[in-house]
N, C-alpha and C. Protein backbone atom coordinates (compact mmCIF):
# COMPACT_ATOMS: atom_id res chain seq x y z
N MET A 1 21.96 62.21 -28.54
CA MET A 1 23.42 62.40 -28.28
C MET A 1 24.22 62.45 -29.58
N VAL A 2 25.19 63.33 -29.72
CA VAL A 2 26.04 63.46 -30.90
C VAL A 2 27.40 63.82 -30.42
N PHE A 3 28.48 63.20 -31.04
CA PHE A 3 29.74 63.77 -30.85
C PHE A 3 30.50 63.81 -32.16
N TRP A 4 31.43 64.72 -32.22
CA TRP A 4 32.26 64.96 -33.35
C TRP A 4 33.74 64.76 -33.06
N VAL A 5 34.48 64.12 -33.94
CA VAL A 5 35.90 63.86 -33.72
C VAL A 5 36.61 64.31 -34.88
N PHE A 6 37.85 64.99 -34.65
CA PHE A 6 38.60 65.49 -35.91
C PHE A 6 39.79 64.53 -36.07
N GLY A 7 39.97 64.21 -37.24
CA GLY A 7 41.21 63.36 -37.68
C GLY A 7 42.14 64.20 -38.58
N TYR A 8 43.44 64.09 -38.23
CA TYR A 8 44.44 64.88 -39.07
C TYR A 8 45.48 63.99 -39.60
N GLY A 9 45.41 62.71 -39.36
CA GLY A 9 46.36 61.83 -39.94
C GLY A 9 45.62 60.61 -40.66
N SER A 10 45.90 59.39 -40.36
CA SER A 10 45.33 58.32 -41.01
C SER A 10 43.81 58.18 -40.78
N LEU A 11 43.24 58.88 -39.79
CA LEU A 11 41.83 58.85 -39.61
C LEU A 11 41.14 59.56 -40.84
N VAL A 12 41.80 60.35 -41.60
CA VAL A 12 41.20 61.05 -42.66
C VAL A 12 40.78 60.07 -43.75
N TRP A 13 41.65 59.15 -44.09
CA TRP A 13 41.40 58.16 -45.13
C TRP A 13 40.97 56.77 -44.56
N ASN A 14 41.22 56.55 -43.44
CA ASN A 14 40.93 55.19 -42.79
C ASN A 14 40.37 55.29 -41.39
N PRO A 15 39.14 55.86 -41.21
CA PRO A 15 38.65 56.00 -39.85
C PRO A 15 38.40 54.74 -39.03
N GLY A 16 38.05 53.73 -39.65
CA GLY A 16 37.89 52.35 -38.91
C GLY A 16 36.76 52.20 -38.02
N PHE A 17 35.81 53.24 -37.99
CA PHE A 17 34.60 53.15 -37.12
C PHE A 17 33.48 53.62 -37.83
N GLU A 18 32.24 53.23 -37.40
CA GLU A 18 31.02 53.67 -37.99
C GLU A 18 30.78 55.16 -37.73
N TYR A 19 30.48 55.92 -38.67
CA TYR A 19 30.09 57.38 -38.54
C TYR A 19 28.92 57.67 -39.46
N ASP A 20 28.36 58.79 -39.12
CA ASP A 20 27.12 59.21 -39.82
C ASP A 20 27.33 60.45 -40.71
N GLU A 21 28.46 61.08 -40.59
CA GLU A 21 28.59 62.24 -41.42
C GLU A 21 30.17 62.61 -41.36
N LYS A 22 30.76 63.02 -42.51
CA LYS A 22 32.09 63.42 -42.58
C LYS A 22 32.17 64.77 -43.36
N ILE A 23 32.99 65.67 -42.67
CA ILE A 23 33.14 66.95 -43.34
C ILE A 23 34.70 67.28 -43.40
N ILE A 24 35.12 67.73 -44.54
CA ILE A 24 36.43 68.19 -44.70
C ILE A 24 36.64 69.64 -44.22
N GLY A 25 37.63 69.95 -43.53
CA GLY A 25 37.84 71.29 -43.04
C GLY A 25 39.15 71.33 -42.28
N PHE A 26 39.24 72.33 -41.34
CA PHE A 26 40.39 72.59 -40.62
C PHE A 26 40.16 73.20 -39.30
N ILE A 27 41.21 73.03 -38.31
CA ILE A 27 41.23 73.74 -37.13
C ILE A 27 42.29 74.66 -37.13
N LYS A 28 42.14 75.72 -36.33
CA LYS A 28 43.09 76.91 -36.18
C LYS A 28 44.07 76.75 -35.04
N ASP A 29 45.30 77.34 -35.23
CA ASP A 29 46.28 77.46 -34.19
C ASP A 29 46.91 76.14 -33.81
N TYR A 30 46.88 75.15 -34.71
CA TYR A 30 47.58 73.95 -34.58
C TYR A 30 48.26 73.59 -35.96
N ARG A 31 49.37 72.84 -35.75
CA ARG A 31 50.08 72.31 -36.88
C ARG A 31 50.52 70.85 -36.57
N ARG A 32 50.65 69.98 -37.65
CA ARG A 32 51.17 68.66 -37.32
C ARG A 32 52.74 68.71 -37.27
N VAL A 33 53.17 67.86 -36.36
CA VAL A 33 54.60 67.67 -36.10
C VAL A 33 54.89 66.22 -35.76
N PHE A 34 56.03 65.65 -36.28
CA PHE A 34 56.28 64.24 -35.97
C PHE A 34 57.05 64.05 -34.72
N ASP A 35 56.51 64.42 -33.58
CA ASP A 35 57.14 64.36 -32.26
C ASP A 35 56.63 63.30 -31.42
N LEU A 36 55.88 62.34 -31.83
CA LEU A 36 55.30 61.42 -31.04
C LEU A 36 55.69 60.01 -31.46
N ALA A 37 56.11 59.14 -30.38
CA ALA A 37 56.59 57.80 -30.75
C ALA A 37 55.42 56.92 -30.99
N CYS A 38 55.65 56.00 -31.99
CA CYS A 38 54.66 54.88 -32.33
C CYS A 38 55.41 53.63 -32.04
N ILE A 39 55.00 52.84 -31.07
CA ILE A 39 55.54 51.67 -30.66
C ILE A 39 54.87 50.34 -30.85
N ASP A 40 53.56 50.44 -31.37
CA ASP A 40 52.81 49.27 -31.49
C ASP A 40 52.29 49.02 -32.89
N HIS A 41 52.76 49.84 -33.94
CA HIS A 41 52.22 49.66 -35.25
C HIS A 41 53.37 49.87 -36.25
N ARG A 42 53.95 51.13 -36.30
CA ARG A 42 55.10 51.41 -37.16
C ARG A 42 56.45 51.07 -36.54
N GLY A 43 56.47 50.96 -35.20
CA GLY A 43 57.76 50.74 -34.55
C GLY A 43 57.48 49.85 -33.32
N THR A 44 58.52 49.75 -32.42
CA THR A 44 58.46 48.90 -31.28
C THR A 44 58.97 49.80 -30.05
N PRO A 45 58.76 49.32 -28.85
CA PRO A 45 59.25 50.07 -27.71
C PRO A 45 60.79 50.27 -27.80
N GLU A 46 61.52 49.26 -28.25
CA GLU A 46 63.01 49.42 -28.40
C GLU A 46 63.39 50.36 -29.51
N HIS A 47 62.66 50.25 -30.63
CA HIS A 47 62.98 51.19 -31.70
C HIS A 47 61.67 51.82 -32.21
N PRO A 48 61.17 52.93 -31.49
CA PRO A 48 59.98 53.54 -31.98
C PRO A 48 60.13 54.35 -33.24
N ALA A 49 58.98 54.35 -33.92
CA ALA A 49 58.87 55.14 -35.15
C ALA A 49 58.43 56.48 -34.68
N ARG A 50 58.23 57.36 -35.60
CA ARG A 50 57.66 58.65 -35.31
C ARG A 50 56.33 58.83 -35.98
N THR A 51 55.32 59.39 -35.32
CA THR A 51 53.96 59.55 -35.90
C THR A 51 53.65 61.01 -35.53
N CYS A 52 52.66 61.58 -36.21
CA CYS A 52 52.44 62.98 -36.07
C CYS A 52 51.39 63.20 -34.95
N THR A 53 51.57 64.34 -34.25
CA THR A 53 50.71 64.82 -33.26
C THR A 53 50.48 66.28 -33.56
N LEU A 54 49.74 67.09 -32.78
CA LEU A 54 49.54 68.43 -33.02
C LEU A 54 50.34 69.34 -32.06
N GLU A 55 50.80 70.44 -32.48
CA GLU A 55 51.54 71.36 -31.78
C GLU A 55 50.78 72.81 -31.91
N ASN A 56 50.63 73.48 -30.71
CA ASN A 56 50.09 74.76 -30.75
C ASN A 56 51.01 75.68 -31.51
N LYS A 57 50.43 76.46 -32.48
CA LYS A 57 51.15 77.46 -33.18
C LYS A 57 50.20 78.52 -33.59
N GLU A 58 50.32 79.70 -33.10
CA GLU A 58 49.31 80.77 -33.43
C GLU A 58 49.33 81.08 -34.92
N GLY A 59 48.21 81.20 -35.56
CA GLY A 59 48.14 81.50 -36.95
C GLY A 59 48.15 80.29 -37.82
N ALA A 60 48.51 79.03 -37.39
CA ALA A 60 48.56 77.88 -38.16
C ALA A 60 47.17 77.34 -38.37
N ILE A 61 47.03 76.56 -39.37
CA ILE A 61 45.82 75.78 -39.58
C ILE A 61 46.22 74.37 -39.82
N CYS A 62 45.36 73.48 -39.51
CA CYS A 62 45.59 72.07 -39.85
C CYS A 62 44.30 71.51 -40.51
N TRP A 63 44.48 71.07 -41.69
CA TRP A 63 43.37 70.40 -42.46
C TRP A 63 43.11 69.00 -42.06
N GLY A 64 41.96 68.55 -42.24
CA GLY A 64 41.62 67.12 -41.79
C GLY A 64 40.10 66.90 -42.07
N ALA A 65 39.61 65.99 -41.25
CA ALA A 65 38.17 65.60 -41.42
C ALA A 65 37.58 65.49 -40.03
N ALA A 66 36.26 65.96 -40.00
CA ALA A 66 35.47 65.87 -38.77
C ALA A 66 34.41 64.75 -38.97
N TYR A 67 34.32 63.81 -38.02
CA TYR A 67 33.34 62.75 -38.15
C TYR A 67 32.38 62.85 -37.08
N CYS A 68 31.11 62.63 -37.40
CA CYS A 68 29.99 62.69 -36.52
C CYS A 68 29.42 61.33 -36.23
N VAL A 69 29.26 61.04 -35.00
CA VAL A 69 28.61 59.84 -34.62
C VAL A 69 27.32 60.05 -33.89
N ARG A 70 26.22 59.65 -34.38
CA ARG A 70 24.91 59.72 -33.75
C ARG A 70 24.36 58.34 -33.38
N GLY A 71 23.20 58.35 -32.65
CA GLY A 71 22.53 57.01 -32.43
C GLY A 71 22.50 56.59 -30.99
N GLY A 72 22.95 57.47 -30.10
CA GLY A 72 22.81 57.00 -28.72
C GLY A 72 24.10 56.62 -28.05
N PRO A 73 24.07 56.58 -26.67
CA PRO A 73 25.29 56.30 -25.93
C PRO A 73 26.01 54.99 -26.29
N GLU A 74 25.37 54.01 -26.61
CA GLU A 74 26.01 52.73 -26.89
C GLU A 74 26.88 52.88 -28.23
N ARG A 75 26.32 53.53 -29.15
CA ARG A 75 27.05 53.69 -30.41
C ARG A 75 28.23 54.60 -30.16
N GLU A 76 27.98 55.65 -29.47
CA GLU A 76 29.11 56.67 -29.19
C GLU A 76 30.13 55.89 -28.40
N LYS A 77 29.78 55.09 -27.41
CA LYS A 77 30.76 54.43 -26.58
C LYS A 77 31.65 53.43 -27.48
N LYS A 78 31.04 52.76 -28.22
CA LYS A 78 31.72 51.79 -29.18
C LYS A 78 32.76 52.53 -30.08
N ALA A 79 32.31 53.72 -30.59
CA ALA A 79 33.19 54.50 -31.44
C ALA A 79 34.44 54.98 -30.65
N MET A 80 34.10 55.60 -29.53
CA MET A 80 35.21 56.14 -28.63
C MET A 80 36.17 55.04 -28.09
N GLU A 81 35.66 53.93 -27.74
CA GLU A 81 36.44 52.83 -27.29
C GLU A 81 37.42 52.42 -28.26
N TYR A 82 36.91 52.33 -29.50
CA TYR A 82 37.80 51.97 -30.73
C TYR A 82 38.94 53.08 -30.85
N LEU A 83 38.52 54.26 -30.79
CA LEU A 83 39.44 55.39 -31.03
C LEU A 83 40.55 55.43 -29.88
N GLU A 84 40.16 55.22 -28.77
CA GLU A 84 41.05 55.23 -27.67
C GLU A 84 42.10 54.09 -27.64
N ARG A 85 41.74 52.96 -28.19
CA ARG A 85 42.61 51.87 -28.47
C ARG A 85 43.59 52.20 -29.50
N ARG A 86 43.05 52.79 -30.57
CA ARG A 86 43.84 53.13 -31.69
C ARG A 86 44.88 54.23 -31.53
N GLU A 87 44.30 55.29 -30.87
CA GLU A 87 45.12 56.44 -30.56
C GLU A 87 45.77 56.43 -29.18
N CYS A 88 46.29 55.27 -28.72
CA CYS A 88 46.71 55.06 -27.40
C CYS A 88 47.96 55.73 -27.00
N GLU A 89 48.65 56.23 -28.03
CA GLU A 89 49.94 57.10 -27.75
C GLU A 89 49.63 58.57 -27.35
N TYR A 90 48.28 58.93 -27.64
CA TYR A 90 47.91 60.30 -27.34
C TYR A 90 47.25 60.38 -25.93
N ASP A 91 47.76 61.15 -25.09
CA ASP A 91 47.43 61.11 -23.69
C ASP A 91 46.35 62.19 -23.37
N SER A 92 45.84 62.98 -24.39
CA SER A 92 44.94 64.01 -24.07
C SER A 92 43.78 64.09 -25.19
N LYS A 93 42.62 64.52 -24.84
CA LYS A 93 41.55 64.84 -25.67
C LYS A 93 41.32 66.36 -25.58
N THR A 94 41.40 67.16 -26.75
CA THR A 94 41.12 68.55 -26.66
C THR A 94 39.87 68.86 -27.46
N LEU A 95 39.08 69.84 -26.96
CA LEU A 95 38.00 70.35 -27.73
C LEU A 95 38.37 71.47 -28.48
N VAL A 96 37.96 71.53 -29.80
CA VAL A 96 38.45 72.65 -30.72
C VAL A 96 37.28 73.04 -31.54
N ASN A 97 37.42 74.21 -32.14
CA ASN A 97 36.49 74.70 -33.13
C ASN A 97 36.86 74.19 -34.53
N PHE A 98 35.92 73.85 -35.29
CA PHE A 98 36.23 73.26 -36.60
C PHE A 98 35.61 74.26 -37.74
N TYR A 99 36.47 74.44 -38.74
CA TYR A 99 35.99 75.48 -39.81
C TYR A 99 35.98 74.73 -41.19
N LYS A 100 35.03 75.04 -41.93
CA LYS A 100 34.89 74.53 -43.27
C LYS A 100 35.21 75.49 -44.34
N ASP A 101 35.04 76.84 -44.01
CA ASP A 101 35.24 77.92 -45.02
C ASP A 101 36.42 78.82 -44.48
N GLU A 102 37.31 78.91 -45.33
CA GLU A 102 38.50 79.79 -44.91
C GLU A 102 38.17 81.30 -44.79
N ASP A 103 37.06 81.68 -45.42
CA ASP A 103 36.80 83.12 -45.34
C ASP A 103 35.75 83.52 -44.25
N THR A 104 35.52 82.74 -43.35
CA THR A 104 34.65 83.04 -42.16
C THR A 104 35.32 82.89 -40.91
N LEU A 105 34.83 83.70 -40.03
CA LEU A 105 35.44 83.72 -38.63
C LEU A 105 34.63 82.83 -37.72
N GLU A 106 33.42 82.48 -38.15
CA GLU A 106 32.62 81.65 -37.43
C GLU A 106 32.82 80.14 -37.65
N PRO A 107 33.03 79.39 -36.60
CA PRO A 107 33.34 77.88 -36.83
C PRO A 107 32.11 77.19 -37.27
N THR A 108 32.25 76.21 -38.05
CA THR A 108 31.23 75.36 -38.51
C THR A 108 30.75 74.50 -37.39
N LEU A 109 31.60 73.99 -36.64
CA LEU A 109 31.31 73.16 -35.43
C LEU A 109 32.15 73.62 -34.21
N THR A 110 31.59 73.44 -33.05
CA THR A 110 32.37 73.73 -31.77
C THR A 110 32.34 72.44 -31.01
N GLY A 111 33.32 72.41 -29.99
CA GLY A 111 33.43 71.31 -29.18
C GLY A 111 33.80 69.91 -29.82
N VAL A 112 34.49 70.04 -30.91
CA VAL A 112 34.98 68.78 -31.61
C VAL A 112 36.20 68.20 -30.86
N ILE A 113 36.18 66.90 -30.72
CA ILE A 113 37.18 66.15 -30.05
C ILE A 113 38.34 66.00 -30.89
N VAL A 114 39.61 66.19 -30.38
CA VAL A 114 40.82 65.84 -31.20
C VAL A 114 41.77 65.22 -30.24
N PHE A 115 42.44 64.15 -30.70
CA PHE A 115 43.35 63.38 -29.82
C PHE A 115 44.75 64.17 -29.88
N THR A 116 45.35 64.66 -28.74
CA THR A 116 46.57 65.43 -28.77
C THR A 116 47.42 64.75 -27.64
N SER A 117 48.71 65.27 -27.58
CA SER A 117 49.67 64.73 -26.73
C SER A 117 50.28 65.89 -25.93
N THR A 118 50.65 65.52 -24.64
CA THR A 118 51.33 66.57 -23.80
C THR A 118 52.74 66.61 -24.18
N PRO A 119 53.25 67.84 -24.65
CA PRO A 119 54.68 67.91 -24.95
C PRO A 119 55.68 67.89 -23.92
N ASP A 120 55.72 66.87 -23.09
CA ASP A 120 56.55 66.77 -22.03
C ASP A 120 57.03 65.31 -21.84
N LYS A 121 58.39 65.14 -21.94
CA LYS A 121 58.90 63.79 -21.89
C LYS A 121 58.85 63.17 -20.54
N VAL A 122 58.73 63.86 -19.49
CA VAL A 122 58.46 63.38 -18.15
C VAL A 122 57.16 62.72 -17.94
N SER A 123 56.20 63.60 -18.19
CA SER A 123 54.69 63.13 -17.98
C SER A 123 54.09 62.34 -19.07
N ASN A 124 54.78 62.38 -20.15
CA ASN A 124 54.15 61.71 -21.48
C ASN A 124 55.31 60.75 -22.04
N LYS A 125 55.21 59.50 -21.69
CA LYS A 125 56.24 58.58 -22.16
C LYS A 125 56.40 58.43 -23.71
N TYR A 126 55.39 58.85 -24.36
CA TYR A 126 55.38 58.75 -25.85
C TYR A 126 55.91 59.84 -26.49
N TYR A 127 56.21 60.94 -25.83
CA TYR A 127 56.66 62.30 -26.49
C TYR A 127 58.16 62.21 -26.72
N LEU A 128 58.49 62.24 -27.99
CA LEU A 128 59.93 62.24 -28.35
C LEU A 128 60.50 63.64 -28.47
N GLY A 129 59.62 64.62 -28.79
CA GLY A 129 60.06 65.91 -29.04
C GLY A 129 60.66 66.18 -30.32
N PRO A 130 60.91 67.41 -30.79
CA PRO A 130 61.57 67.71 -32.02
C PRO A 130 62.98 67.13 -32.23
N ALA A 131 63.40 67.02 -33.49
CA ALA A 131 64.78 66.57 -33.79
C ALA A 131 65.09 67.07 -35.17
N PRO A 132 66.48 66.98 -35.41
CA PRO A 132 66.77 67.49 -36.83
C PRO A 132 66.01 66.61 -37.90
N LEU A 133 65.79 67.29 -39.01
CA LEU A 133 65.03 66.62 -40.08
C LEU A 133 65.70 65.31 -40.56
N GLU A 134 67.03 65.27 -40.61
CA GLU A 134 67.69 64.10 -41.10
C GLU A 134 67.50 63.06 -40.03
N GLU A 135 67.54 63.29 -38.73
CA GLU A 135 67.48 62.31 -37.70
C GLU A 135 66.07 61.63 -37.79
N MET A 136 65.04 62.58 -37.87
CA MET A 136 63.61 62.06 -37.98
C MET A 136 63.37 61.23 -39.21
N ALA A 137 63.95 61.59 -40.33
CA ALA A 137 63.85 60.81 -41.53
C ALA A 137 64.46 59.47 -41.35
N SER A 138 65.66 59.39 -40.82
CA SER A 138 66.26 58.05 -40.60
C SER A 138 65.43 57.25 -39.68
N GLN A 139 64.96 57.84 -38.49
CA GLN A 139 64.17 57.03 -37.57
C GLN A 139 62.84 56.42 -38.24
N ILE A 140 62.25 57.26 -39.11
CA ILE A 140 61.03 56.77 -39.75
C ILE A 140 61.33 55.75 -40.80
N ALA A 141 62.48 55.89 -41.55
CA ALA A 141 62.78 54.96 -42.56
C ALA A 141 63.18 53.68 -42.13
N THR A 142 63.84 53.51 -40.92
CA THR A 142 64.42 52.28 -40.44
C THR A 142 63.58 51.59 -39.35
N ALA A 143 62.46 52.22 -39.03
CA ALA A 143 61.63 51.65 -37.95
C ALA A 143 60.80 50.51 -38.56
N HIS A 144 60.55 49.48 -37.76
CA HIS A 144 59.67 48.32 -38.21
C HIS A 144 58.76 48.13 -37.04
N GLY A 145 57.44 47.71 -37.43
CA GLY A 145 56.55 47.28 -36.29
C GLY A 145 55.65 46.29 -36.86
N PRO A 146 54.58 45.88 -36.10
CA PRO A 146 53.66 44.80 -36.47
C PRO A 146 52.45 45.25 -37.46
N CYS A 147 52.92 46.22 -38.35
CA CYS A 147 51.82 46.61 -39.29
C CYS A 147 51.76 45.44 -40.43
N HIS A 148 50.66 45.51 -41.06
CA HIS A 148 50.40 44.46 -42.10
C HIS A 148 50.70 44.96 -43.45
N GLU A 149 51.12 43.98 -44.40
CA GLU A 149 51.44 44.39 -45.80
C GLU A 149 50.11 44.08 -46.59
N ASP A 150 50.01 44.90 -47.59
CA ASP A 150 48.82 44.93 -48.51
C ASP A 150 49.36 44.83 -49.98
N ASP A 151 49.33 43.65 -50.55
CA ASP A 151 49.95 43.31 -51.84
C ASP A 151 49.47 44.31 -52.88
N MET A 152 48.17 44.61 -52.88
CA MET A 152 47.65 45.56 -53.87
C MET A 152 48.23 46.97 -53.66
N VAL A 153 48.31 47.48 -52.45
CA VAL A 153 48.79 48.74 -52.35
C VAL A 153 50.32 48.78 -52.56
N ILE A 154 51.10 47.74 -52.36
CA ILE A 154 52.51 47.72 -52.71
C ILE A 154 52.60 47.75 -54.18
N GLU A 155 51.80 46.98 -54.99
CA GLU A 155 51.85 47.02 -56.38
C GLU A 155 51.55 48.37 -56.96
N LEU A 156 50.53 49.09 -56.37
CA LEU A 156 50.13 50.38 -56.82
C LEU A 156 51.31 51.44 -56.54
N ALA A 157 51.94 51.36 -55.41
CA ALA A 157 52.99 52.25 -54.98
C ALA A 157 54.18 51.96 -55.97
N ASN A 158 54.49 50.80 -56.34
CA ASN A 158 55.54 50.58 -57.39
C ASN A 158 55.24 51.10 -58.67
N GLU A 159 53.90 51.12 -59.12
CA GLU A 159 53.51 51.70 -60.40
C GLU A 159 53.63 53.20 -60.29
N VAL A 160 53.28 53.86 -59.13
CA VAL A 160 53.52 55.30 -58.96
C VAL A 160 54.99 55.69 -59.28
N ARG A 161 55.85 54.88 -58.66
CA ARG A 161 57.30 55.13 -58.83
C ARG A 161 57.68 55.10 -60.23
N LYS A 162 57.09 54.12 -61.05
CA LYS A 162 57.36 54.09 -62.54
C LYS A 162 56.90 55.31 -63.18
N VAL A 163 55.67 55.75 -62.86
CA VAL A 163 55.13 56.94 -63.39
C VAL A 163 56.04 58.22 -63.20
N LEU A 164 56.62 58.32 -61.93
CA LEU A 164 57.32 59.39 -61.52
C LEU A 164 58.85 59.33 -62.16
N GLY A 165 59.11 58.12 -62.63
CA GLY A 165 60.45 57.99 -63.28
C GLY A 165 61.51 57.59 -62.16
N ILE A 166 61.04 57.01 -61.12
CA ILE A 166 61.90 56.58 -60.10
C ILE A 166 62.14 55.06 -60.21
N GLY A 167 63.41 54.70 -60.46
CA GLY A 167 63.62 53.35 -60.68
C GLY A 167 63.71 52.61 -59.23
N ILE A 168 63.13 51.49 -59.07
CA ILE A 168 63.04 50.77 -57.85
C ILE A 168 64.44 50.19 -57.55
N GLY A 169 65.13 50.69 -56.61
CA GLY A 169 66.41 50.13 -56.30
C GLY A 169 67.57 50.38 -57.35
N LYS A 170 67.32 51.36 -58.25
CA LYS A 170 68.30 51.60 -59.37
C LYS A 170 68.96 52.97 -59.08
N GLY A 171 68.62 53.72 -58.05
CA GLY A 171 69.40 54.94 -57.75
C GLY A 171 68.99 56.08 -58.65
N ILE A 172 67.91 55.95 -59.37
CA ILE A 172 67.38 56.94 -60.38
C ILE A 172 66.64 57.98 -59.53
N SER A 173 66.85 59.23 -59.79
CA SER A 173 66.08 60.30 -59.12
C SER A 173 65.53 61.35 -60.11
N ILE A 174 64.59 62.10 -59.65
CA ILE A 174 63.86 63.06 -60.60
C ILE A 174 63.46 64.24 -59.74
N GLU A 175 63.62 65.39 -60.29
CA GLU A 175 63.24 66.62 -59.59
C GLU A 175 61.85 67.06 -59.93
N LYS A 176 61.02 67.42 -58.97
CA LYS A 176 59.74 67.92 -59.19
C LYS A 176 59.61 69.23 -58.47
N LYS A 177 58.80 70.14 -58.95
CA LYS A 177 58.54 71.39 -58.19
C LYS A 177 57.51 71.09 -57.10
N LEU A 178 57.83 71.77 -55.99
CA LEU A 178 56.99 71.52 -54.82
C LEU A 178 55.78 72.49 -55.05
N VAL A 179 54.61 71.79 -55.15
CA VAL A 179 53.38 72.53 -55.39
C VAL A 179 52.48 72.34 -54.26
N GLY A 180 51.93 73.35 -53.57
CA GLY A 180 50.99 73.26 -52.47
C GLY A 180 49.55 73.15 -52.94
N PRO A 181 48.57 72.98 -52.04
CA PRO A 181 47.25 72.95 -52.39
C PRO A 181 46.84 74.38 -52.90
N PRO A 182 45.66 74.58 -53.55
CA PRO A 182 45.23 75.86 -54.09
C PRO A 182 45.16 76.91 -52.99
N HIS A 183 44.80 76.52 -51.72
CA HIS A 183 44.66 77.54 -50.76
C HIS A 183 45.89 78.07 -50.17
N ILE A 184 47.13 77.48 -50.52
CA ILE A 184 48.36 77.94 -49.94
C ILE A 184 49.08 78.73 -51.11
N PRO A 185 49.38 80.06 -50.93
CA PRO A 185 49.93 80.85 -51.93
C PRO A 185 51.36 80.24 -52.41
N HIS A 186 51.54 80.26 -53.60
CA HIS A 186 52.75 79.75 -54.16
C HIS A 186 53.89 80.73 -53.89
N LYS A 187 55.09 80.37 -53.59
CA LYS A 187 56.12 81.28 -53.39
C LYS A 187 57.34 80.79 -54.21
N ASP A 188 58.04 81.78 -54.97
CA ASP A 188 59.05 81.42 -55.93
C ASP A 188 60.36 80.95 -55.15
N ASN A 189 60.50 81.23 -53.85
CA ASN A 189 61.71 80.75 -53.18
C ASN A 189 61.52 79.35 -52.50
N ILE A 190 60.48 78.62 -52.92
CA ILE A 190 60.31 77.28 -52.49
C ILE A 190 61.25 76.35 -53.24
N PRO A 191 62.17 75.69 -52.70
CA PRO A 191 63.15 74.79 -53.46
C PRO A 191 62.43 73.66 -54.13
N SER A 192 63.01 73.18 -55.19
CA SER A 192 62.52 71.95 -55.82
C SER A 192 62.68 70.79 -54.90
N LEU A 193 61.84 69.81 -55.12
CA LEU A 193 61.80 68.60 -54.27
C LEU A 193 62.60 67.51 -54.85
N GLN A 194 63.70 67.08 -54.17
CA GLN A 194 64.43 65.95 -54.70
C GLN A 194 63.85 64.61 -54.31
N LEU A 195 63.42 63.73 -55.19
CA LEU A 195 62.82 62.54 -54.92
C LEU A 195 63.83 61.37 -55.18
N HIS A 196 63.92 60.48 -54.17
CA HIS A 196 64.87 59.36 -54.30
C HIS A 196 64.05 58.06 -54.13
N PRO A 197 64.69 56.98 -54.57
CA PRO A 197 63.96 55.72 -54.60
C PRO A 197 63.70 55.35 -53.13
N LEU A 198 62.46 54.72 -52.89
CA LEU A 198 62.08 54.33 -51.60
C LEU A 198 62.41 52.85 -51.44
N PRO A 199 62.41 52.36 -50.23
CA PRO A 199 62.45 50.96 -49.94
C PRO A 199 61.21 50.33 -50.35
N GLU A 200 61.22 48.96 -50.36
CA GLU A 200 59.99 48.28 -50.73
C GLU A 200 58.84 48.66 -49.91
N ALA A 201 57.72 49.11 -50.60
CA ALA A 201 56.59 49.60 -49.88
C ALA A 201 55.94 48.71 -48.98
N ILE A 202 55.58 49.26 -47.78
CA ILE A 202 54.77 48.56 -46.84
C ILE A 202 53.52 49.23 -46.51
N ALA A 203 52.39 48.69 -46.71
CA ALA A 203 51.10 49.37 -46.47
C ALA A 203 50.75 49.33 -45.01
N MET A 204 50.43 50.44 -44.41
CA MET A 204 50.16 50.61 -42.92
C MET A 204 48.87 51.30 -42.76
N ASP A 205 48.17 50.90 -41.72
CA ASP A 205 47.03 51.64 -41.24
C ASP A 205 47.15 51.84 -39.70
N SER A 206 46.38 52.72 -39.23
CA SER A 206 46.56 53.11 -37.77
C SER A 206 45.17 53.65 -37.28
């Protein structure tokens, strides 16, 4: 028995379960959106944070990582139980095709599991829906939850701010050109990205 699961958020860098193989690639006709409430990690039920989920969008692609778990029913069960606890805000599991090569029409894998959410505020209590960018940013920036702090990550984040020329708490800003990955064509009309000082870093996993 073998199962594959696709991660498109923190699962990419912090899977948290034992796996046998990892492949970087993408799924088609989905994009990330911050339309889902996080109430047990980055936020609380009274003041939810926002976390990303997937939205159907024809022609879109979503990059991430596919993980393979082999070794029999018990090992698969253990991995899936962990994932279901961790991804508790997602009320659906969807089977998707996974691609490794952008130039092929044939998927590398089929029947890959991905955690998704029903975009309905009535049937899905965690679904927040879209909101203006400024509102989402404020909600994300001010939310607090029972995530843990990692002193090493905080120290590293502050050093990154120094390299970028962003003074911690000094109101210094710097402009950087917005540059996408090599597979995304660069467009001249993409505005420059204004970077502002961030609050004290808090390391989070999910």
